[in-house]
Amino acid sequence: MGASPHGFTVVRGRGYRPEQVDEALDGLFGEQEEARARLARLVAEQGELTAETERLRALAATLPPPAYESLGAHAGKLLTLAESEAADVRAAAEADAART
């Protein structure tokens, strides 16, 4: 008796031992059920995270713009300048995108 490429004992020329096949299939079906359960958990978690993301975005939209006074005058000026330059870059990119 030899062995198949899948590890089953070959009997009667080309057949396999049913108990080995049944055991292998039971293992595969068990793995499939575990994968389905994990998928269901991940889908539920994705829904929760999506809802949390939306909640946080809505909350962030209600917040006032950041004030930099607590960082000191120099840091505040730098950050204000950076915001202004970022707005200019964003506007230029949007204009470029509109042309193409």
C-alpha atoms as a PDB file:
ATOM      1  CA  MET A   1       0.000   0.000   0.000  1.00  0.00           C
ATOM      2  CA  GLY A   2       1.279   3.434  -0.947  1.00  0.00           C
ATOM      3  CA  ALA A   3       0.257   6.940   0.001  1.00  0.00           C
ATOM      4  CA  SER A   4      -1.483   9.576  -2.079  1.00  0.00           C
ATOM      5  CA  PRO A   5      -0.045  13.082  -2.499  1.00  0.00           C
ATOM      6  CA  HIS A   6      -2.566  14.144   0.158  1.00  0.00           C
ATOM      7  CA  GLY A   7      -1.391  11.615   2.717  1.00  0.00           C
ATOM      8  CA  PHE A   8      -4.182   9.067   2.303  1.00  0.00           C
ATOM      9  CA  THR A   9      -3.316   5.401   2.284  1.00  0.00           C
ATOM     10  CA  VAL A  10      -4.081   3.922  -1.121  1.00  0.00           C
ATOM     11  CA  VAL A  11      -6.061   0.689  -0.917  1.00  0.00           C
ATOM     12  CA  ARG A  12      -7.295  -1.671  -3.605  1.00  0.00           C
ATOM     13  CA  GLY A  13      -5.265   0.013  -6.311  1.00  0.00           C
ATOM     14  CA  ARG A  14      -6.814   3.459  -6.521  1.00  0.00           C
ATOM     15  CA  GLY A  15      -9.108   3.880  -3.522  1.00  0.00           C
ATOM     16  CA  TYR A  16      -8.527   5.499  -0.153  1.00  0.00           C
ATOM     17  CA  ARG A  17      -9.438   4.477   3.343  1.00  0.00           C
ATOM     18  CA  PRO A  18     -12.794   6.119   4.067  1.00  0.00           C
ATOM     19  CA  GLU A  19     -11.932   6.825   7.707  1.00  0.00           C
ATOM     20  CA  GLN A  20      -8.853   8.812   6.639  1.00  0.00           C
ATOM     21  CA  VAL A  21     -10.857  10.806   4.119  1.00  0.00           C
ATOM     22  CA  ASP A  22     -13.647  11.409   6.645  1.00  0.00           C
ATOM     23  CA  GLU A  23     -11.128  12.565   9.248  1.00  0.00           C
ATOM     24  CA  ALA A  24      -9.462  14.919   6.773  1.00  0.00           C
ATOM     25  CA  LEU A  25     -12.812  16.330   5.671  1.00  0.00           C
ATOM     26  CA  ASP A  26     -13.913  16.810   9.284  1.00  0.00           C
ATOM     27  CA  GLY A  27     -10.751  18.830   9.869  1.00  0.00           C
ATOM     28  CA  LEU A  28     -11.335  20.932   6.767  1.00  0.00           C
ATOM     29  CA  PHE A  29     -14.974  21.553   7.654  1.00  0.00           C
ATOM     30  CA  GLY A  30     -13.892  22.586  11.148  1.00  0.00           C
ATOM     31  CA  GLU A  31     -11.387  25.047   9.711  1.00  0.00           C
ATOM     32  CA  GLN A  32     -14.069  26.383   7.386  1.00  0.00           C
ATOM     33  CA  GLU A  33     -16.453  26.983  10.287  1.00  0.00           C
ATOM     34  CA  GLU A  34     -13.704  28.732  12.265  1.00  0.00           C
ATOM     35  CA  ALA A  35     -12.941  30.934   9.258  1.00  0.00           C
ATOM     36  CA  ARG A  36     -16.616  31.825   8.847  1.00  0.00           C
ATOM     37  CA  ALA A  37     -16.922  32.695  12.534  1.00  0.00           C
ATOM     38  CA  ARG A  38     -13.787  34.840  12.333  1.00  0.00           C
ATOM     39  CA  LEU A  39     -15.124  36.558   9.227  1.00  0.00           C
ATOM     40  CA  ALA A  40     -18.394  37.341  11.008  1.00  0.00           C
ATOM     41  CA  ARG A  41     -16.471  38.810  13.964  1.00  0.00           C
ATOM     42  CA  LEU A  42     -14.305  40.907  11.651  1.00  0.00           C
ATOM     43  CA  VAL A  43     -17.305  42.196   9.700  1.00  0.00           C
ATOM     44  CA  ALA A  44     -18.988  43.193  12.962  1.00  0.00           C
ATOM     45  CA  GLU A  45     -15.796  44.874  14.148  1.00  0.00           C
ATOM     46  CA  GLN A  46     -15.494  46.717  10.847  1.00  0.00           C
ATOM     47  CA  GLY A  47     -19.022  48.043  11.290  1.00  0.00           C
ATOM     48  CA  GLU A  48     -18.213  49.221  14.802  1.00  0.00           C
ATOM     49  CA  LEU A  49     -15.001  50.898  13.658  1.00  0.00           C
ATOM     50  CA  THR A  50     -16.763  52.575  10.738  1.00  0.00           C
ATOM     51  CA  ALA A  51     -19.409  53.951  13.088  1.00  0.00           C
ATOM     52  CA  GLU A  52     -16.719  55.157  15.498  1.00  0.00           C
ATOM     53  CA  THR A  53     -14.833  56.825  12.644  1.00  0.00           C
ATOM     54  CA  GLU A  54     -17.977  58.630  11.512  1.00  0.00           C
ATOM     55  CA  ARG A  55     -18.719  59.710  15.080  1.00  0.00           C
ATOM     56  CA  LEU A  56     -15.198  61.081  15.532  1.00  0.00           C
ATOM     57  CA  ARG A  57     -15.259  62.883  12.180  1.00  0.00           C
ATOM     58  CA  ALA A  58     -18.537  64.531  13.120  1.00  0.00           C
ATOM     59  CA  LEU A  59     -17.081  65.521  16.485  1.00  0.00           C
ATOM     60  CA  ALA A  60     -13.921  66.904  14.857  1.00  0.00           C
ATOM     61  CA  ALA A  61     -16.045  68.977  12.474  1.00  0.00           C
ATOM     62  CA  THR A  62     -17.633  70.745  15.447  1.00  0.00           C
ATOM     63  CA  LEU A  63     -14.324  71.705  17.040  1.00  0.00           C
ATOM     64  CA  PRO A  64     -12.977  75.215  16.576  1.00  0.00           C
ATOM     65  CA  PRO A  65      -9.783  75.657  14.582  1.00  0.00           C
ATOM     66  CA  PRO A  66      -6.667  75.126  16.661  1.00  0.00           C
ATOM     67  CA  ALA A  67      -5.291  78.094  18.544  1.00  0.00           C
ATOM     68  CA  TYR A  68      -1.543  78.284  18.782  1.00  0.00           C
ATOM     69  CA  GLU A  69      -1.219  80.974  21.446  1.00  0.00           C
ATOM     70  CA  SER A  70      -0.207  78.454  24.077  1.00  0.00           C
ATOM     71  CA  LEU A  71       2.819  77.486  21.968  1.00  0.00           C
ATOM     72  CA  GLY A  72       4.279  80.955  22.010  1.00  0.00           C
ATOM     73  CA  ALA A  73       4.223  83.753  19.484  1.00  0.00           C
ATOM     74  CA  HIS A  74       6.962  82.401  17.210  1.00  0.00           C
ATOM     75  CA  ALA A  75       5.520  78.870  17.024  1.00  0.00           C
ATOM     76  CA  GLY A  76       2.057  80.296  16.453  1.00  0.00           C
ATOM     77  CA  LYS A  77       3.288  82.380  13.517  1.00  0.00           C
ATOM     78  CA  LEU A  78       5.078  79.377  12.005  1.00  0.00           C
ATOM     79  CA  LEU A  79       2.011  77.167  12.263  1.00  0.00           C
ATOM     80  CA  THR A  80      -0.259  79.863  10.860  1.00  0.00           C
ATOM     81  CA  LEU A  81       2.142  80.306   7.932  1.00  0.00           C
ATOM     82  CA  ALA A  82       2.246  76.534   7.378  1.00  0.00           C
ATOM     83  CA  GLU A  83      -1.566  76.384   7.308  1.00  0.00           C
ATOM     84  CA  SER A  84      -1.680  79.224   4.809  1.00  0.00           C
ATOM     85  CA  GLU A  85       0.899  77.586   2.554  1.00  0.00           C
ATOM     86  CA  ALA A  86      -0.927  74.261   2.788  1.00  0.00           C
ATOM     87  CA  ALA A  87      -4.142  75.971   1.708  1.00  0.00           C
ATOM     88  CA  ASP A  88      -2.307  77.527  -1.255  1.00  0.00           C
ATOM     89  CA  VAL A  89      -0.846  74.160  -2.280  1.00  0.00           C
ATOM     90  CA  ARG A  90      -4.252  72.499  -1.931  1.00  0.00           C
ATOM     91  CA  ALA A  91      -5.908  75.212  -4.045  1.00  0.00           C
ATOM     92  CA  ALA A  92      -3.225  74.904  -6.736  1.00  0.00           C
ATOM     93  CA  ALA A  93      -3.610  71.120  -6.804  1.00  0.00           C
ATOM     94  CA  GLU A  94      -7.388  71.394  -7.084  1.00  0.00           C
ATOM     95  CA  ALA A  95      -7.046  73.903  -9.920  1.00  0.00           C
ATOM     96  CA  ASP A  96      -4.559  71.623 -11.674  1.00  0.00           C
ATOM     97  CA  ALA A  97      -6.878  68.657 -11.235  1.00  0.00           C
ATOM     98  CA  ALA A  98      -9.778  70.653 -12.670  1.00  0.00           C
ATOM     99  CA  ARG A  99      -7.734  71.431 -15.801  1.00  0.00           C
ATOM    100  CA  THR A 100      -6.935  67.770 -16.485  1.00  0.00           C
END
